[in-house]
Amino acid sequence: MRISLRGTGDGVRVSMRLEINRRRWIALLIMLGVLTATGVITGLWAVVAPESFYTSFPGFGLHWVRADGPYNHHLAGDVGAFFLALGAISAAALYYRDSVIARVTGLAWLVFGVPHFIYHAFHRPPTLSGLNFTLELLAALAMPALGLAILFVAPRERFPVPEPAPLTFKFPRR
């Protein structure tokens, strides 16, 4: 707990800041933000422009999806919808700041990410360079790693403990 005192001219204002799991909540919110952005950006791209997603994902001159087989509009759209669903639950956990929803979100990303990573680890497209393949594996590993980290980092209390209201002590005048 941090306590700060500030003079008000006719008294003292005392503010207290509770530090209960503060670092855990900050880490949790950062991880949820990263997963929300990943889900929403990837999902919208695949749903709105599935052919562009197929030919250009993840962008930056890399072409990971195109290297893995022929284009399938239905599959690309479904991948986008799935990422949007994960992005939505991540956003809900972030918005409500609820550690139970965050744990469910972490579990969802973990359940999706482990088979996804295993697939990519054992199915290297022949057209991908070694560096491209390594980057693809790291990106595929990041999702279940963040999901697992959320399961371990999420605080036991369901919601962040609110800060107490400041107290003002006034000195008697003479």
C-alpha atoms as a PDB file:
ATOM      1  CA  MET A   1       0.000   0.000   0.000  1.00  0.00           C
ATOM      2  CA  ARG A   2       1.241   3.478  -0.845  1.00  0.00           C
ATOM      3  CA  ILE A   3       0.150   6.430   1.221  1.00  0.00           C
ATOM      4  CA  SER A   4       0.581  10.005   0.048  1.00  0.00           C
ATOM      5  CA  LEU A   5      -0.048  13.192   2.007  1.00  0.00           C
ATOM      6  CA  ARG A   6      -0.789  16.567   0.455  1.00  0.00           C
ATOM      7  CA  GLY A   7      -1.369  19.819   2.252  1.00  0.00           C
ATOM      8  CA  THR A   8      -4.607  21.616   1.376  1.00  0.00           C
ATOM      9  CA  GLY A   9      -4.011  24.893   3.200  1.00  0.00           C
ATOM     10  CA  ASP A  10      -6.408  24.143   6.038  1.00  0.00           C
ATOM     11  CA  GLY A  11      -5.627  20.457   6.473  1.00  0.00           C
ATOM     12  CA  VAL A  12      -4.119  17.343   4.950  1.00  0.00           C
ATOM     13  CA  ARG A  13      -5.437  15.094   2.202  1.00  0.00           C
ATOM     14  CA  VAL A  14      -4.469  11.424   2.603  1.00  0.00           C
ATOM     15  CA  SER A  15      -4.577   9.156  -0.459  1.00  0.00           C
ATOM     16  CA  MET A  16      -3.981   5.429  -0.314  1.00  0.00           C
ATOM     17  CA  ARG A  17      -3.097   3.228  -3.240  1.00  0.00           C
ATOM     18  CA  LEU A  18      -3.555  -0.485  -2.828  1.00  0.00           C
ATOM     19  CA  GLU A  19      -0.959  -2.530  -4.679  1.00  0.00           C
ATOM     20  CA  ILE A  20      -2.865  -5.831  -4.569  1.00  0.00           C
ATOM     21  CA  ASN A  21      -1.775  -7.813  -7.638  1.00  0.00           C
ATOM     22  CA  ARG A  22      -1.187  -4.553  -9.516  1.00  0.00           C
ATOM     23  CA  ARG A  23       1.595  -5.992 -11.681  1.00  0.00           C
ATOM     24  CA  ARG A  24      -0.463  -9.081 -12.442  1.00  0.00           C
ATOM     25  CA  TRP A  25      -3.398  -6.935 -13.597  1.00  0.00           C
ATOM     26  CA  ILE A  26      -1.116  -4.780 -15.759  1.00  0.00           C
ATOM     27  CA  ALA A  27       0.500  -7.842 -17.362  1.00  0.00           C
ATOM     28  CA  LEU A  28      -2.919  -9.436 -17.872  1.00  0.00           C
ATOM     29  CA  LEU A  29      -4.346  -6.345 -19.563  1.00  0.00           C
ATOM     30  CA  ILE A  30      -1.317  -6.056 -21.871  1.00  0.00           C
ATOM     31  CA  MET A  31      -1.598  -9.712 -22.919  1.00  0.00           C
ATOM     32  CA  LEU A  32      -5.342  -9.383 -23.479  1.00  0.00           C
ATOM     33  CA  GLY A  33      -4.715  -6.251 -25.566  1.00  0.00           C
ATOM     34  CA  VAL A  34      -2.196  -8.074 -27.768  1.00  0.00           C
ATOM     35  CA  LEU A  35      -4.553 -11.022 -28.274  1.00  0.00           C
ATOM     36  CA  THR A  36      -7.517  -8.722 -28.936  1.00  0.00           C
ATOM     37  CA  ALA A  37      -5.556  -6.884 -31.626  1.00  0.00           C
ATOM     38  CA  THR A  38      -4.348 -10.174 -33.126  1.00  0.00           C
ATOM     39  CA  GLY A  39      -7.839 -11.642 -33.264  1.00  0.00           C
ATOM     40  CA  VAL A  40      -9.606  -8.547 -34.576  1.00  0.00           C
ATOM     41  CA  ILE A  41      -7.016  -7.539 -37.200  1.00  0.00           C
ATOM     42  CA  THR A  42      -6.461 -11.055 -38.520  1.00  0.00           C
ATOM     43  CA  GLY A  43     -10.164 -11.869 -38.360  1.00  0.00           C
ATOM     44  CA  LEU A  44     -11.369  -8.748 -40.122  1.00  0.00           C
ATOM     45  CA  TRP A  45      -8.753  -9.163 -42.838  1.00  0.00           C
ATOM     46  CA  ALA A  46      -9.776 -12.774 -43.534  1.00  0.00           C
ATOM     47  CA  VAL A  47     -13.529 -12.067 -43.401  1.00  0.00           C
ATOM     48  CA  VAL A  48     -13.556  -8.816 -45.382  1.00  0.00           C
ATOM     49  CA  ALA A  49     -10.866  -9.708 -47.948  1.00  0.00           C
ATOM     50  CA  PRO A  50     -10.277 -13.471 -47.888  1.00  0.00           C
ATOM     51  CA  GLU A  51      -8.306 -13.581 -51.142  1.00  0.00           C
ATOM     52  CA  SER A  52      -6.014 -10.783 -49.958  1.00  0.00           C
ATOM     53  CA  PHE A  53      -5.590 -12.641 -46.668  1.00  0.00           C
ATOM     54  CA  TYR A  54      -4.653 -15.796 -48.581  1.00  0.00           C
ATOM     55  CA  THR A  55      -2.113 -14.098 -50.834  1.00  0.00           C
ATOM     56  CA  SER A  56      -0.593 -11.575 -48.406  1.00  0.00           C
ATOM     57  CA  PHE A  57      -0.854 -12.790 -44.787  1.00  0.00           C
ATOM     58  CA  PRO A  58       0.869 -11.693 -42.518  1.00  0.00           C
ATOM     59  CA  GLY A  59       1.921  -8.750 -44.686  1.00  0.00           C
ATOM     60  CA  PHE A  60       5.340  -7.090 -44.746  1.00  0.00           C
ATOM     61  CA  GLY A  61       6.204  -9.000 -47.934  1.00  0.00           C
ATOM     62  CA  LEU A  62       5.645 -12.404 -46.314  1.00  0.00           C
ATOM     63  CA  HIS A  63       3.201 -14.947 -47.767  1.00  0.00           C
ATOM     64  CA  TRP A  64       2.589 -17.717 -45.227  1.00  0.00           C
ATOM     65  CA  VAL A  65      -0.922 -18.844 -46.175  1.00  0.00           C
ATOM     66  CA  ARG A  66      -0.394 -18.904 -49.927  1.00  0.00           C
ATOM     67  CA  ALA A  67       2.642 -21.167 -49.468  1.00  0.00           C
ATOM     68  CA  ASP A  68       0.512 -23.818 -47.737  1.00  0.00           C
ATOM     69  CA  GLY A  69      -1.947 -24.863 -50.454  1.00  0.00           C
ATOM     70  CA  PRO A  70      -4.589 -23.696 -52.928  1.00  0.00           C
ATOM     71  CA  TYR A  71      -6.993 -20.845 -52.182  1.00  0.00           C
ATOM     72  CA  ASN A  72     -10.313 -21.778 -50.543  1.00  0.00           C
ATOM     73  CA  HIS A  73     -12.716 -18.871 -50.026  1.00  0.00           C
ATOM     74  CA  HIS A  74     -14.825 -20.752 -47.475  1.00  0.00           C
ATOM     75  CA  LEU A  75     -11.816 -21.821 -45.405  1.00  0.00           C
ATOM     76  CA  ALA A  76     -10.297 -18.316 -45.411  1.00  0.00           C
ATOM     77  CA  GLY A  77     -13.625 -16.807 -44.303  1.00  0.00           C
ATOM     78  CA  ASP A  78     -14.026 -19.396 -41.548  1.00  0.00           C
ATOM     79  CA  VAL A  79     -10.513 -18.703 -40.278  1.00  0.00           C
ATOM     80  CA  GLY A  80     -11.421 -15.017 -40.149  1.00  0.00           C
ATOM     81  CA  ALA A  81     -14.645 -15.705 -38.245  1.00  0.00           C
ATOM     82  CA  PHE A  82     -12.750 -17.872 -35.776  1.00  0.00           C
ATOM     83  CA  PHE A  83     -10.134 -15.181 -35.170  1.00  0.00           C
ATOM     84  CA  LEU A  84     -12.905 -12.591 -34.753  1.00  0.00           C
ATOM     85  CA  ALA A  85     -14.564 -14.805 -32.119  1.00  0.00           C
ATOM     86  CA  LEU A  86     -11.283 -15.095 -30.202  1.00  0.00           C
ATOM     87  CA  GLY A  87     -10.770 -11.346 -30.572  1.00  0.00           C
ATOM     88  CA  ALA A  88     -14.281 -10.711 -29.240  1.00  0.00           C
ATOM     89  CA  ILE A  89     -13.830 -12.796 -26.089  1.00  0.00           C
ATOM     90  CA  SER A  90     -10.412 -11.192 -25.561  1.00  0.00           C
ATOM     91  CA  ALA A  91     -11.975  -7.742 -25.915  1.00  0.00           C
ATOM     92  CA  ALA A  92     -14.738  -8.691 -23.445  1.00  0.00           C
ATOM     93  CA  ALA A  93     -12.166  -9.812 -20.873  1.00  0.00           C
ATOM     94  CA  LEU A  94     -10.247  -6.582 -21.437  1.00  0.00           C
ATOM     95  CA  TYR A  95     -13.365  -4.393 -21.205  1.00  0.00           C
ATOM     96  CA  TYR A  96     -14.864  -6.046 -18.112  1.00  0.00           C
ATOM     97  CA  ARG A  97     -11.473  -6.548 -16.392  1.00  0.00           C
ATOM     98  CA  ASP A  98     -12.699  -9.855 -15.083  1.00  0.00           C
ATOM     99  CA  SER A  99     -10.071 -12.489 -14.275  1.00  0.00           C
ATOM    100  CA  VAL A 100     -12.524 -15.368 -14.834  1.00  0.00           C
ATOM    101  CA  ILE A 101     -13.326 -14.213 -18.378  1.00  0.00           C
ATOM    102  CA  ALA A 102      -9.584 -13.666 -18.867  1.00  0.00           C
ATOM    103  CA  ARG A 103      -8.833 -17.267 -17.846  1.00  0.00           C
ATOM    104  CA  VAL A 104     -11.491 -18.583 -20.242  1.00  0.00           C
ATOM    105  CA  THR A 105      -9.943 -16.409 -22.950  1.00  0.00           C
ATOM    106  CA  GLY A 106      -6.472 -17.747 -22.192  1.00  0.00           C
ATOM    107  CA  LEU A 107      -7.783 -21.302 -22.350  1.00  0.00           C
ATOM    108  CA  ALA A 108      -9.484 -20.616 -25.707  1.00  0.00           C
ATOM    109  CA  TRP A 109      -6.264 -19.240 -27.222  1.00  0.00           C
ATOM    110  CA  LEU A 110      -4.331 -22.189 -25.778  1.00  0.00           C
ATOM    111  CA  VAL A 111      -6.777 -24.761 -27.186  1.00  0.00           C
ATOM    112  CA  PHE A 112      -6.602 -23.092 -30.604  1.00  0.00           C
ATOM    113  CA  GLY A 113      -2.894 -22.348 -30.532  1.00  0.00           C
ATOM    114  CA  VAL A 114      -1.420 -25.736 -29.604  1.00  0.00           C
ATOM    115  CA  PRO A 115      -2.820 -27.715 -32.589  1.00  0.00           C
ATOM    116  CA  HIS A 116      -2.154 -24.705 -34.825  1.00  0.00           C
ATOM    117  CA  PHE A 117       1.486 -24.623 -33.730  1.00  0.00           C
ATOM    118  CA  ILE A 118       1.861 -28.415 -34.083  1.00  0.00           C
ATOM    119  CA  TYR A 119       0.497 -28.256 -37.627  1.00  0.00           C
ATOM    120  CA  HIS A 120       2.947 -25.550 -38.648  1.00  0.00           C
ATOM    121  CA  ALA A 121       5.878 -27.220 -36.892  1.00  0.00           C
ATOM    122  CA  PHE A 122       5.393 -30.451 -38.849  1.00  0.00           C
ATOM    123  CA  HIS A 123       4.178 -29.061 -42.197  1.00  0.00           C
ATOM    124  CA  ARG A 124       6.832 -26.805 -43.633  1.00  0.00           C
ATOM    125  CA  PRO A 125       5.811 -25.570 -47.078  1.00  0.00           C
ATOM    126  CA  PRO A 126       8.673 -26.136 -49.535  1.00  0.00           C
ATOM    127  CA  THR A 127       8.484 -22.553 -50.798  1.00  0.00           C
ATOM    128  CA  LEU A 128       9.147 -20.975 -47.366  1.00  0.00           C
ATOM    129  CA  SER A 129      12.717 -19.970 -46.578  1.00  0.00           C
ATOM    130  CA  GLY A 130      14.296 -20.934 -43.271  1.00  0.00           C
ATOM    131  CA  LEU A 131      13.829 -17.422 -41.873  1.00  0.00           C
ATOM    132  CA  ASN A 132      10.210 -17.268 -43.041  1.00  0.00           C
ATOM    133  CA  PHE A 133       9.503 -20.665 -41.491  1.00  0.00           C
ATOM    134  CA  THR A 134      11.121 -19.607 -38.210  1.00  0.00           C
ATOM    135  CA  LEU A 135       9.032 -16.411 -38.105  1.00  0.00           C
ATOM    136  CA  GLU A 136       5.894 -18.409 -38.869  1.00  0.00           C
ATOM    137  CA  LEU A 137       6.638 -20.813 -35.999  1.00  0.00           C
ATOM    138  CA  LEU A 138       7.344 -17.974 -33.579  1.00  0.00           C
ATOM    139  CA  ALA A 139       4.060 -16.286 -34.510  1.00  0.00           C
ATOM    140  CA  ALA A 140       2.182 -19.581 -34.158  1.00  0.00           C
ATOM    141  CA  LEU A 141       3.847 -20.190 -30.779  1.00  0.00           C
ATOM    142  CA  ALA A 142       3.018 -16.703 -29.465  1.00  0.00           C
ATOM    143  CA  MET A 143      -0.745 -17.352 -29.336  1.00  0.00           C
ATOM    144  CA  PRO A 144      -0.728 -20.442 -27.073  1.00  0.00           C
ATOM    145  CA  ALA A 145       2.158 -18.981 -25.058  1.00  0.00           C
ATOM    146  CA  LEU A 146       0.113 -15.859 -24.289  1.00  0.00           C
ATOM    147  CA  GLY A 147      -2.936 -18.023 -23.541  1.00  0.00           C
ATOM    148  CA  LEU A 148      -0.920 -20.110 -21.082  1.00  0.00           C
ATOM    149  CA  ALA A 149       0.624 -17.001 -19.531  1.00  0.00           C
ATOM    150  CA  ILE A 150      -2.859 -15.571 -18.970  1.00  0.00           C
ATOM    151  CA  LEU A 151      -3.856 -18.741 -17.111  1.00  0.00           C
ATOM    152  CA  PHE A 152      -0.886 -18.324 -14.765  1.00  0.00           C
ATOM    153  CA  VAL A 153      -0.911 -14.530 -14.411  1.00  0.00           C
ATOM    154  CA  ALA A 154      -4.641 -13.865 -13.920  1.00  0.00           C
ATOM    155  CA  PRO A 155      -5.147 -12.817 -10.271  1.00  0.00           C
ATOM    156  CA  ARG A 156      -7.308 -14.879  -7.957  1.00  0.00           C
ATOM    157  CA  GLU A 157      -9.653 -11.999  -7.201  1.00  0.00           C
ATOM    158  CA  ARG A 158     -12.203 -11.671  -9.957  1.00  0.00           C
ATOM    159  CA  PHE A 159     -12.010  -7.885 -10.306  1.00  0.00           C
ATOM    160  CA  PRO A 160      -9.257  -5.383  -9.461  1.00  0.00           C
ATOM    161  CA  VAL A 161      -9.557  -4.112  -5.902  1.00  0.00           C
ATOM    162  CA  PRO A 162     -10.822  -0.508  -6.058  1.00  0.00           C
ATOM    163  CA  GLU A 163      -8.732   2.261  -4.542  1.00  0.00           C
ATOM    164  CA  PRO A 164     -10.170   3.727  -1.336  1.00  0.00           C
ATOM    165  CA  ALA A 165     -11.486   7.276  -1.491  1.00  0.00           C
ATOM    166  CA  PRO A 166      -9.040   9.920  -0.242  1.00  0.00           C
ATOM    167  CA  LEU A 167      -9.545  11.313   3.256  1.00  0.00           C
ATOM    168  CA  THR A 168      -9.237  14.969   4.171  1.00  0.00           C
ATOM    169  CA  PHE A 169      -8.347  16.004   7.705  1.00  0.00           C
ATOM    170  CA  LYS A 170      -9.030  19.662   8.460  1.00  0.00           C
ATOM    171  CA  PHE A 171      -7.125  21.474  11.179  1.00  0.00           C
ATOM    172  CA  PRO A 172      -9.163  23.570  13.626  1.00  0.00           C
ATOM    173  CA  ARG A 173      -8.797  27.312  13.166  1.00  0.00           C
ATOM    174  CA  ARG A 174      -7.831  29.512  16.107  1.00  0.00           C
END
